[in-house]
Each structure stands twice: as C-alpha cells, then as structure tokens.
Amino acid sequence: MTVRPSKKIEKSLKKNGFVKLASHHKRYFYKKINGGDTLIHTFISHGTKDYGDRLLSALADQLKLNKEELLRFIDGKMTQAVFQRG
C-alpha cells in the first residue's frame, strides 16, 4: 500500500504554483499557468492525515496525472512543467 501524508501533498501543490482557497471542510487548490486559471484542481481534506491508494488515485485523476507521476510530484522529483504539457 502506498501512503503519503496530506501535509506533504499540500506542500508540493503550493511549491508548484497551486493557489489555495480555504473552505469550511476542505482545502481547494487550483493551478494557474501564465496568469490564467486552468481546469486542474483538487481538494485536500482537513480530516485525513495520510492518503492511501484510493485517495491517491482520486487525486491523480483530479490533477490529470497517472499515479506514478503523482508520487514523483509529491516526492519533489517532478515539477509543475508536467501541467504545461497540455
């Protein structure tokens, strides 16, 4: 089973240019490229400390990445350039 801490996921999103909008129960992140909004967005739950396989797969789908790319992104081995590929 693959696990990543939600704080590490949030840190990776912020580091790579995602903008955070706080709501009551979730943290919403969306991506801006060249000053414009994109369709790439995700939610990070306040109550979940670790993201397991199911949540990581959902996160990968929301970010339009495969799971391997997502893990590399979270671990700092891939940058925001992946989102500019179209």
PDB file of N, CA and C in Angstrom:
ATOM      1  N   MET A   1       0.828  -1.177   0.000  1.00  0.00           N
ATOM      2  CA  MET A   1       0.000   0.000   0.000  1.00  0.00           C
ATOM      3  C   MET A   1       0.881   1.251   0.000  1.00  0.00           C
ATOM      4  N   THR A   2       0.543   2.177  -0.844  1.00  0.00           N
ATOM      5  CA  THR A   2       1.261   3.433  -0.949  1.00  0.00           C
ATOM      6  C   THR A   2       0.585   4.476  -0.068  1.00  0.00           C
ATOM      7  N   VAL A   3       1.384   5.229   0.687  1.00  0.00           N
ATOM      8  CA  VAL A   3       0.843   6.244   1.585  1.00  0.00           C
ATOM      9  C   VAL A   3       1.696   7.509   1.481  1.00  0.00           C
ATOM     10  N   ARG A   4       1.023   8.648   1.452  1.00  0.00           N
ATOM     11  CA  ARG A   4       1.702   9.937   1.507  1.00  0.00           C
ATOM     12  C   ARG A   4       0.941  10.830   2.488  1.00  0.00           C
ATOM     13  N   PRO A   5       1.658  11.572   3.355  1.00  0.00           N
ATOM     14  CA  PRO A   5       0.998  12.483   4.300  1.00  0.00           C
ATOM     15  C   PRO A   5       0.327  13.650   3.570  1.00  0.00           C
ATOM     16  N   SER A   6      -0.844  14.052   4.039  1.00  0.00           N
ATOM     17  CA  SER A   6      -1.567  15.144   3.390  1.00  0.00           C
ATOM     18  C   SER A   6      -0.794  16.457   3.457  1.00  0.00           C
ATOM     19  N   LYS A   7      -0.037  16.667   4.517  1.00  0.00           N
ATOM     20  CA  LYS A   7       0.765  17.897   4.625  1.00  0.00           C
ATOM     21  C   LYS A   7       1.843  17.942   3.539  1.00  0.00           C
ATOM     22  N   LYS A   8       2.408  16.795   3.202  1.00  0.00           N
ATOM     23  CA  LYS A   8       3.424  16.741   2.148  1.00  0.00           C
ATOM     24  C   LYS A   8       2.776  17.009   0.779  1.00  0.00           C
ATOM     25  N   ILE A   9       1.571  16.501   0.593  1.00  0.00           N
ATOM     26  CA  ILE A   9       0.839  16.744  -0.655  1.00  0.00           C
ATOM     27  C   ILE A   9       0.554  18.234  -0.794  1.00  0.00           C
ATOM     28  N   GLU A  10       0.049  18.844   0.274  1.00  0.00           N
ATOM     29  CA  GLU A  10      -0.266  20.269   0.247  1.00  0.00           C
ATOM     30  C   GLU A  10       0.993  21.098  -0.019  1.00  0.00           C
ATOM     31  N   LYS A  11       2.087  20.744   0.601  1.00  0.00           N
ATOM     32  CA  LYS A  11       3.354  21.459   0.404  1.00  0.00           C
ATOM     33  C   LYS A  11       3.807  21.371  -1.056  1.00  0.00           C
ATOM     34  N   SER A  12       3.664  20.205  -1.665  1.00  0.00           N
ATOM     35  CA  SER A  12       4.045  20.027  -3.064  1.00  0.00           C
ATOM     36  C   SER A  12       3.173  20.864  -3.992  1.00  0.00           C
ATOM     37  N   LEU A  13       1.884  20.922  -3.700  1.00  0.00           N
ATOM     38  CA  LEU A  13       0.980  21.731  -4.514  1.00  0.00           C
ATOM     39  C   LEU A  13       1.363  23.203  -4.446  1.00  0.00           C
ATOM     40  N   LYS A  14       1.580  23.712  -3.244  1.00  0.00           N
ATOM     41  CA  LYS A  14       1.943  25.118  -3.073  1.00  0.00           C
ATOM     42  C   LYS A  14       3.271  25.439  -3.748  1.00  0.00           C
ATOM     43  N   LYS A  15       4.239  24.551  -3.569  1.00  0.00           N
ATOM     44  CA  LYS A  15       5.573  24.748  -4.139  1.00  0.00           C
ATOM     45  C   LYS A  15       5.519  24.841  -5.663  1.00  0.00           C
ATOM     46  N   ASN A  16       4.555  24.181  -6.257  1.00  0.00           N
ATOM     47  CA  ASN A  16       4.479  24.119  -7.711  1.00  0.00           C
ATOM     48  C   ASN A  16       3.382  25.005  -8.299  1.00  0.00           C
ATOM     49  N   GLY A  17       3.045  26.065  -7.578  1.00  0.00           N
ATOM     50  CA  GLY A  17       2.197  27.100  -8.144  1.00  0.00           C
ATOM     51  C   GLY A  17       0.701  26.930  -8.013  1.00  0.00           C
ATOM     52  N   PHE A  18       0.246  25.999  -7.208  1.00  0.00           N
ATOM     53  CA  PHE A  18      -1.187  25.868  -6.989  1.00  0.00           C
ATOM     54  C   PHE A  18      -1.638  26.938  -5.989  1.00  0.00           C
ATOM     55  N   VAL A  19      -2.793  27.488  -6.220  1.00  0.00           N
ATOM     56  CA  VAL A  19      -3.361  28.516  -5.366  1.00  0.00           C
ATOM     57  C   VAL A  19      -4.368  27.855  -4.435  1.00  0.00           C
ATOM     58  N   LYS A  20      -4.302  28.219  -3.156  1.00  0.00           N
ATOM     59  CA  LYS A  20      -5.166  27.601  -2.141  1.00  0.00           C
ATOM     60  C   LYS A  20      -6.346  28.513  -1.815  1.00  0.00           C
ATOM     61  N   LEU A  21      -7.519  27.935  -1.823  1.00  0.00           N
ATOM     62  CA  LEU A  21      -8.731  28.609  -1.354  1.00  0.00           C
ATOM     63  C   LEU A  21      -9.287  27.778  -0.206  1.00  0.00           C
ATOM     64  N   ALA A  22      -9.400  28.356   0.964  1.00  0.00           N
ATOM     65  CA  ALA A  22      -9.893  27.607   2.123  1.00  0.00           C
ATOM     66  C   ALA A  22     -11.413  27.653   2.177  1.00  0.00           C
ATOM     67  N   SER A  23     -12.010  26.527   2.484  1.00  0.00           N
ATOM     68  CA  SER A  23     -13.441  26.457   2.730  1.00  0.00           C
ATOM     69  C   SER A  23     -13.629  25.811   4.101  1.00  0.00           C
ATOM     70  N   HIS A  24     -14.851  25.555   4.467  1.00  0.00           N
ATOM     71  CA  HIS A  24     -15.139  25.060   5.815  1.00  0.00           C
ATOM     72  C   HIS A  24     -14.501  23.698   6.108  1.00  0.00           C
ATOM     73  N   HIS A  25     -14.657  22.727   5.216  1.00  0.00           N
ATOM     74  CA  HIS A  25     -14.179  21.372   5.497  1.00  0.00           C
ATOM     75  C   HIS A  25     -13.023  20.916   4.632  1.00  0.00           C
ATOM     76  N   LYS A  26     -12.767  21.607   3.546  1.00  0.00           N
ATOM     77  CA  LYS A  26     -11.734  21.153   2.626  1.00  0.00           C
ATOM     78  C   LYS A  26     -10.848  22.306   2.218  1.00  0.00           C
ATOM     79  N   ARG A  27      -9.686  21.965   1.739  1.00  0.00           N
ATOM     80  CA  ARG A  27      -8.789  22.947   1.158  1.00  0.00           C
ATOM     81  C   ARG A  27      -8.791  22.722  -0.344  1.00  0.00           C
ATOM     82  N   TYR A  28      -9.166  23.714  -1.090  1.00  0.00           N
ATOM     83  CA  TYR A  28      -9.302  23.630  -2.539  1.00  0.00           C
ATOM     84  C   TYR A  28      -8.066  24.264  -3.165  1.00  0.00           C
ATOM     85  N   PHE A  29      -7.438  23.569  -4.111  1.00  0.00           N
ATOM     86  CA  PHE A  29      -6.269  24.076  -4.813  1.00  0.00           C
ATOM     87  C   PHE A  29      -6.559  24.087  -6.303  1.00  0.00           C
ATOM     88  N   TYR A  30      -6.149  25.136  -6.986  1.00  0.00           N
ATOM     89  CA  TYR A  30      -6.259  25.161  -8.433  1.00  0.00           C
ATOM     90  C   TYR A  30      -4.964  25.699  -9.015  1.00  0.00           C
ATOM     91  N   LYS A  31      -4.717  25.387 -10.263  1.00  0.00           N
ATOM     92  CA  LYS A  31      -3.463  25.710 -10.927  1.00  0.00           C
ATOM     93  C   LYS A  31      -3.622  26.903 -11.837  1.00  0.00           C
ATOM     94  N   LYS A  32      -2.685  27.829 -11.777  1.00  0.00           N
ATOM     95  CA  LYS A  32      -2.614  28.949 -12.707  1.00  0.00           C
ATOM     96  C   LYS A  32      -1.365  28.753 -13.569  1.00  0.00           C
ATOM     97  N   ILE A  33      -1.518  28.920 -14.867  1.00  0.00           N
ATOM     98  CA  ILE A  33      -0.381  28.851 -15.787  1.00  0.00           C
ATOM     99  C   ILE A  33      -0.379  30.131 -16.601  1.00  0.00           C
ATOM    100  N   ASN A  34       0.748  30.818 -16.593  1.00  0.00           N
ATOM    101  CA  ASN A  34       0.896  32.095 -17.304  1.00  0.00           C
ATOM    102  C   ASN A  34      -0.202  33.075 -16.918  1.00  0.00           C
ATOM    103  N   GLY A  35      -0.550  33.116 -15.639  1.00  0.00           N
ATOM    104  CA  GLY A  35      -1.525  34.067 -15.133  1.00  0.00           C
ATOM    105  C   GLY A  35      -2.983  33.691 -15.321  1.00  0.00           C
ATOM    106  N   GLY A  36      -3.255  32.605 -16.052  1.00  0.00           N
ATOM    107  CA  GLY A  36      -4.640  32.202 -16.281  1.00  0.00           C
ATOM    108  C   GLY A  36      -4.995  30.928 -15.533  1.00  0.00           C
ATOM    109  N   ASP A  37      -6.260  30.809 -15.173  1.00  0.00           N
ATOM    110  CA  ASP A  37      -6.734  29.605 -14.495  1.00  0.00           C
ATOM    111  C   ASP A  37      -6.752  28.432 -15.470  1.00  0.00           C
ATOM    112  N   THR A  38      -6.606  27.237 -14.944  1.00  0.00           N
ATOM    113  CA  THR A  38      -6.708  26.012 -15.726  1.00  0.00           C
ATOM    114  C   THR A  38      -7.839  25.167 -15.167  1.00  0.00           C
ATOM    115  N   LEU A  39      -8.094  24.059 -15.783  1.00  0.00           N
ATOM    116  CA  LEU A  39      -9.100  23.123 -15.286  1.00  0.00           C
ATOM    117  C   LEU A  39      -8.517  22.147 -14.276  1.00  0.00           C
ATOM    118  N   ILE A  40      -7.268  22.332 -13.916  1.00  0.00           N
ATOM    119  CA  ILE A  40      -6.595  21.430 -12.987  1.00  0.00           C
ATOM    120  C   ILE A  40      -6.847  21.924 -11.562  1.00  0.00           C
ATOM    121  N   HIS A  41      -7.545  21.098 -10.779  1.00  0.00           N
ATOM    122  CA  HIS A  41      -7.855  21.464  -9.400  1.00  0.00           C
ATOM    123  C   HIS A  41      -8.034  20.210  -8.561  1.00  0.00           C
ATOM    124  N   THR A  42      -7.968  20.379  -7.249  1.00  0.00           N
ATOM    125  CA  THR A  42      -8.169  19.261  -6.339  1.00  0.00           C
ATOM    126  C   THR A  42      -8.595  19.774  -4.972  1.00  0.00           C
ATOM    127  N   PHE A  43      -9.030  18.874  -4.133  1.00  0.00           N
ATOM    128  CA  PHE A  43      -9.403  19.162  -2.750  1.00  0.00           C
ATOM    129  C   PHE A  43      -8.514  18.334  -1.836  1.00  0.00           C
ATOM    130  N   ILE A  44      -8.087  18.915  -0.725  1.00  0.00           N
ATOM    131  CA  ILE A  44      -7.361  18.180   0.309  1.00  0.00           C
ATOM    132  C   ILE A  44      -8.208  18.268   1.572  1.00  0.00           C
ATOM    133  N   SER A  45      -8.529  17.149   2.155  1.00  0.00           N
ATOM    134  CA  SER A  45      -9.391  17.108   3.330  1.00  0.00           C
ATOM    135  C   SER A  45      -8.620  17.489   4.589  1.00  0.00           C
ATOM    136  N   HIS A  46      -9.264  18.215   5.496  1.00  0.00           N
ATOM    137  CA  HIS A  46      -8.658  18.556   6.784  1.00  0.00           C
ATOM    138  C   HIS A  46      -8.536  17.328   7.683  1.00  0.00           C
ATOM    139  N   GLY A  47      -9.465  16.393   7.566  1.00  0.00           N
ATOM    140  CA  GLY A  47      -9.519  15.268   8.484  1.00  0.00           C
ATOM    141  C   GLY A  47      -8.638  14.086   8.135  1.00  0.00           C
ATOM    142  N   THR A  48      -8.074  14.077   6.959  1.00  0.00           N
ATOM    143  CA  THR A  48      -7.270  12.937   6.523  1.00  0.00           C
ATOM    144  C   THR A  48      -5.790  13.257   6.689  1.00  0.00           C
ATOM    145  N   LYS A  49      -5.111  12.507   7.565  1.00  0.00           N
ATOM    146  CA  LYS A  49      -3.684  12.750   7.784  1.00  0.00           C
ATOM    147  C   LYS A  49      -2.839  12.105   6.699  1.00  0.00           C
ATOM    148  N   ASP A  50      -3.183  10.896   6.304  1.00  0.00           N
ATOM    149  CA  ASP A  50      -2.429  10.171   5.288  1.00  0.00           C
ATOM    150  C   ASP A  50      -3.343   9.785   4.140  1.00  0.00           C
ATOM    151  N   TYR A  51      -2.835   9.892   2.944  1.00  0.00           N
ATOM    152  CA  TYR A  51      -3.575   9.487   1.746  1.00  0.00           C
ATOM    153  C   TYR A  51      -3.071   8.118   1.317  1.00  0.00           C
ATOM    154  N   GLY A  52      -3.969   7.146   1.307  1.00  0.00           N
ATOM    155  CA  GLY A  52      -3.644   5.800   0.855  1.00  0.00           C
ATOM    156  C   GLY A  52      -3.922   5.656  -0.632  1.00  0.00           C
ATOM    157  N   ASP A  53      -3.894   4.419  -1.120  1.00  0.00           N
ATOM    158  CA  ASP A  53      -4.045   4.136  -2.545  1.00  0.00           C
ATOM    159  C   ASP A  53      -5.315   4.729  -3.151  1.00  0.00           C
ATOM    160  N   ARG A  54      -6.436   4.578  -2.482  1.00  0.00           N
ATOM    161  CA  ARG A  54      -7.713   5.051  -3.038  1.00  0.00           C
ATOM    162  C   ARG A  54      -7.721   6.565  -3.206  1.00  0.00           C
ATOM    163  N   LEU A  55      -7.306   7.296  -2.161  1.00  0.00           N
ATOM    164  CA  LEU A  55      -7.293   8.756  -2.238  1.00  0.00           C
ATOM    165  C   LEU A  55      -6.206   9.268  -3.181  1.00  0.00           C
ATOM    166  N   LEU A  56      -5.063   8.588  -3.229  1.00  0.00           N
ATOM    167  CA  LEU A  56      -4.011   8.989  -4.161  1.00  0.00           C
ATOM    168  C   LEU A  56      -4.463   8.812  -5.609  1.00  0.00           C
ATOM    169  N   SER A  57      -5.205   7.744  -5.878  1.00  0.00           N
ATOM    170  CA  SER A  57      -5.723   7.528  -7.235  1.00  0.00           C
ATOM    171  C   SER A  57      -6.720   8.616  -7.612  1.00  0.00           C
ATOM    172  N   ALA A  58      -7.583   8.996  -6.675  1.00  0.00           N
ATOM    173  CA  ALA A  58      -8.544  10.071  -6.932  1.00  0.00           C
ATOM    174  C   ALA A  58      -7.824  11.397  -7.158  1.00  0.00           C
ATOM    175  N   LEU A  59      -6.803  11.665  -6.359  1.00  0.00           N
ATOM    176  CA  LEU A  59      -6.015  12.881  -6.505  1.00  0.00           C
ATOM    177  C   LEU A  59      -5.318  12.916  -7.862  1.00  0.00           C
ATOM    178  N   ALA A  60      -4.755  11.791  -8.269  1.00  0.00           N
ATOM    179  CA  ALA A  60      -4.091  11.707  -9.579  1.00  0.00           C
ATOM    180  C   ALA A  60      -5.081  12.013 -10.706  1.00  0.00           C
ATOM    181  N   ASP A  61      -6.277  11.467 -10.614  1.00  0.00           N
ATOM    182  CA  ASP A  61      -7.305  11.748 -11.624  1.00  0.00           C
ATOM    183  C   ASP A  61      -7.636  13.237 -11.668  1.00  0.00           C
ATOM    184  N   GLN A  62      -7.803  13.856 -10.509  1.00  0.00           N
ATOM    185  CA  GLN A  62      -8.132  15.278 -10.461  1.00  0.00           C
ATOM    186  C   GLN A  62      -7.024  16.137 -11.050  1.00  0.00           C
ATOM    187  N   LEU A  63      -5.782  15.741 -10.839  1.00  0.00           N
ATOM    188  CA  LEU A  63      -4.644  16.509 -11.340  1.00  0.00           C
ATOM    189  C   LEU A  63      -4.240  16.102 -12.751  1.00  0.00           C
ATOM    190  N   LYS A  64      -4.965  15.145 -13.327  1.00  0.00           N
ATOM    191  CA  LYS A  64      -4.719  14.661 -14.684  1.00  0.00           C
ATOM    192  C   LYS A  64      -3.310  14.066 -14.838  1.00  0.00           C
ATOM    193  N   LEU A  65      -2.930  13.296 -13.808  1.00  0.00           N
ATOM    194  CA  LEU A  65      -1.662  12.574 -13.795  1.00  0.00           C
ATOM    195  C   LEU A  65      -1.950  11.101 -13.590  1.00  0.00           C
ATOM    196  N   ASN A  66      -0.982  10.244 -13.949  1.00  0.00           N
ATOM    197  CA  ASN A  66      -1.123   8.859 -13.530  1.00  0.00           C
ATOM    198  C   ASN A  66      -0.526   8.747 -12.122  1.00  0.00           C
ATOM    199  N   LYS A  67      -0.736   7.628 -11.472  1.00  0.00           N
ATOM    200  CA  LYS A  67      -0.329   7.502 -10.070  1.00  0.00           C
ATOM    201  C   LYS A  67       1.186   7.625  -9.903  1.00  0.00           C
ATOM    202  N   GLU A  68       1.949   7.062 -10.828  1.00  0.00           N
ATOM    203  CA  GLU A  68       3.412   7.150 -10.748  1.00  0.00           C
ATOM    204  C   GLU A  68       3.871   8.609 -10.844  1.00  0.00           C
ATOM    205  N   GLU A  69       3.276   9.368 -11.759  1.00  0.00           N
ATOM    206  CA  GLU A  69       3.605  10.787 -11.891  1.00  0.00           C
ATOM    207  C   GLU A  69       3.239  11.544 -10.616  1.00  0.00           C
ATOM    208  N   LEU A  70       2.076  11.231 -10.051  1.00  0.00           N
ATOM    209  CA  LEU A  70       1.641  11.896  -8.827  1.00  0.00           C
ATOM    210  C   LEU A  70       2.636  11.652  -7.698  1.00  0.00           C
ATOM    211  N   LEU A  71       3.069  10.425  -7.512  1.00  0.00           N
ATOM    212  CA  LEU A  71       4.014  10.116  -6.443  1.00  0.00           C
ATOM    213  C   LEU A  71       5.333  10.852  -6.646  1.00  0.00           C
ATOM    214  N   ARG A  72       5.800  10.922  -7.884  1.00  0.00           N
ATOM    215  CA  ARG A  72       7.023  11.670  -8.186  1.00  0.00           C
ATOM    216  C   ARG A  72       6.818  13.160  -7.903  1.00  0.00           C
ATOM    217  N   PHE A  73       5.643  13.685  -8.238  1.00  0.00           N
ATOM    218  CA  PHE A  73       5.314  15.082  -7.983  1.00  0.00           C
ATOM    219  C   PHE A  73       5.319  15.372  -6.479  1.00  0.00           C
ATOM    220  N   ILE A  74       4.665  14.529  -5.702  1.00  0.00           N
ATOM    221  CA  ILE A  74       4.599  14.711  -4.245  1.00  0.00           C
ATOM    222  C   ILE A  74       5.991  14.613  -3.631  1.00  0.00           C
ATOM    223  N   ASP A  75       6.812  13.693  -4.127  1.00  0.00           N
ATOM    224  CA  ASP A  75       8.149  13.473  -3.576  1.00  0.00           C
ATOM    225  C   ASP A  75       9.181  14.484  -4.076  1.00  0.00           C
ATOM    226  N   GLY A  76       8.749  15.453  -4.895  1.00  0.00           N
ATOM    227  CA  GLY A  76       9.649  16.512  -5.360  1.00  0.00           C
ATOM    228  C   GLY A  76      10.541  16.127  -6.516  1.00  0.00           C
ATOM    229  N   LYS A  77      10.206  15.045  -7.218  1.00  0.00           N
ATOM    230  CA  LYS A  77      11.028  14.583  -8.330  1.00  0.00           C
ATOM    231  C   LYS A  77      10.460  15.016  -9.679  1.00  0.00           C
ATOM    232  N   MET A  78       9.364  15.767  -9.652  1.00  0.00           N
ATOM    233  CA  MET A  78       8.737  16.278 -10.858  1.00  0.00           C
ATOM    234  C   MET A  78       8.205  17.669 -10.511  1.00  0.00           C
ATOM    235  N   THR A  79       8.272  18.578 -11.465  1.00  0.00           N
ATOM    236  CA  THR A  79       7.841  19.951 -11.196  1.00  0.00           C
ATOM    237  C   THR A  79       6.554  20.271 -11.928  1.00  0.00           C
ATOM    238  N   GLN A  80       6.129  21.526 -11.813  1.00  0.00           N
ATOM    239  CA  GLN A  80       4.898  21.982 -12.430  1.00  0.00           C
ATOM    240  C   GLN A  80       4.927  21.913 -13.949  1.00  0.00           C
ATOM    241  N   ALA A  81       6.086  21.718 -14.559  1.00  0.00           N
ATOM    242  CA  ALA A  81       6.174  21.638 -16.018  1.00  0.00           C
ATOM    243  C   ALA A  81       5.270  20.536 -16.568  1.00  0.00           C
ATOM    244  N   VAL A  82       5.004  19.512 -15.792  1.00  0.00           N
ATOM    245  CA  VAL A  82       4.131  18.427 -16.236  1.00  0.00           C
ATOM    246  C   VAL A  82       2.739  18.943 -16.569  1.00  0.00           C
ATOM    247  N   PHE A  83       2.293  20.016 -15.928  1.00  0.00           N
ATOM    248  CA  PHE A  83       0.953  20.550 -16.171  1.00  0.00           C
ATOM    249  C   PHE A  83       0.891  21.421 -17.418  1.00  0.00           C
ATOM    250  N   GLN A  84       2.028  21.772 -17.974  1.00  0.00           N
ATOM    251  CA  GLN A  84       2.054  22.621 -19.149  1.00  0.00           C
ATOM    252  C   GLN A  84       2.098  21.822 -20.439  1.00  0.00           C
ATOM    253  N   ARG A  85       2.043  20.504 -20.315  1.00  0.00           N
ATOM    254  CA  ARG A  85       2.129  19.656 -21.498  1.00  0.00           C
ATOM    255  C   ARG A  85       0.820  19.613 -22.281  1.00  0.00           C
ATOM    256  N   GLY A  86      -0.214  20.225 -21.738  1.00  0.00           N
ATOM    257  CA  GLY A  86      -1.462  20.332 -22.469  1.00  0.00           C
ATOM    258  C   GLY A  86      -2.462  19.414 -21.948  1.00  0.00           C
TER     259      GLY A  86
END
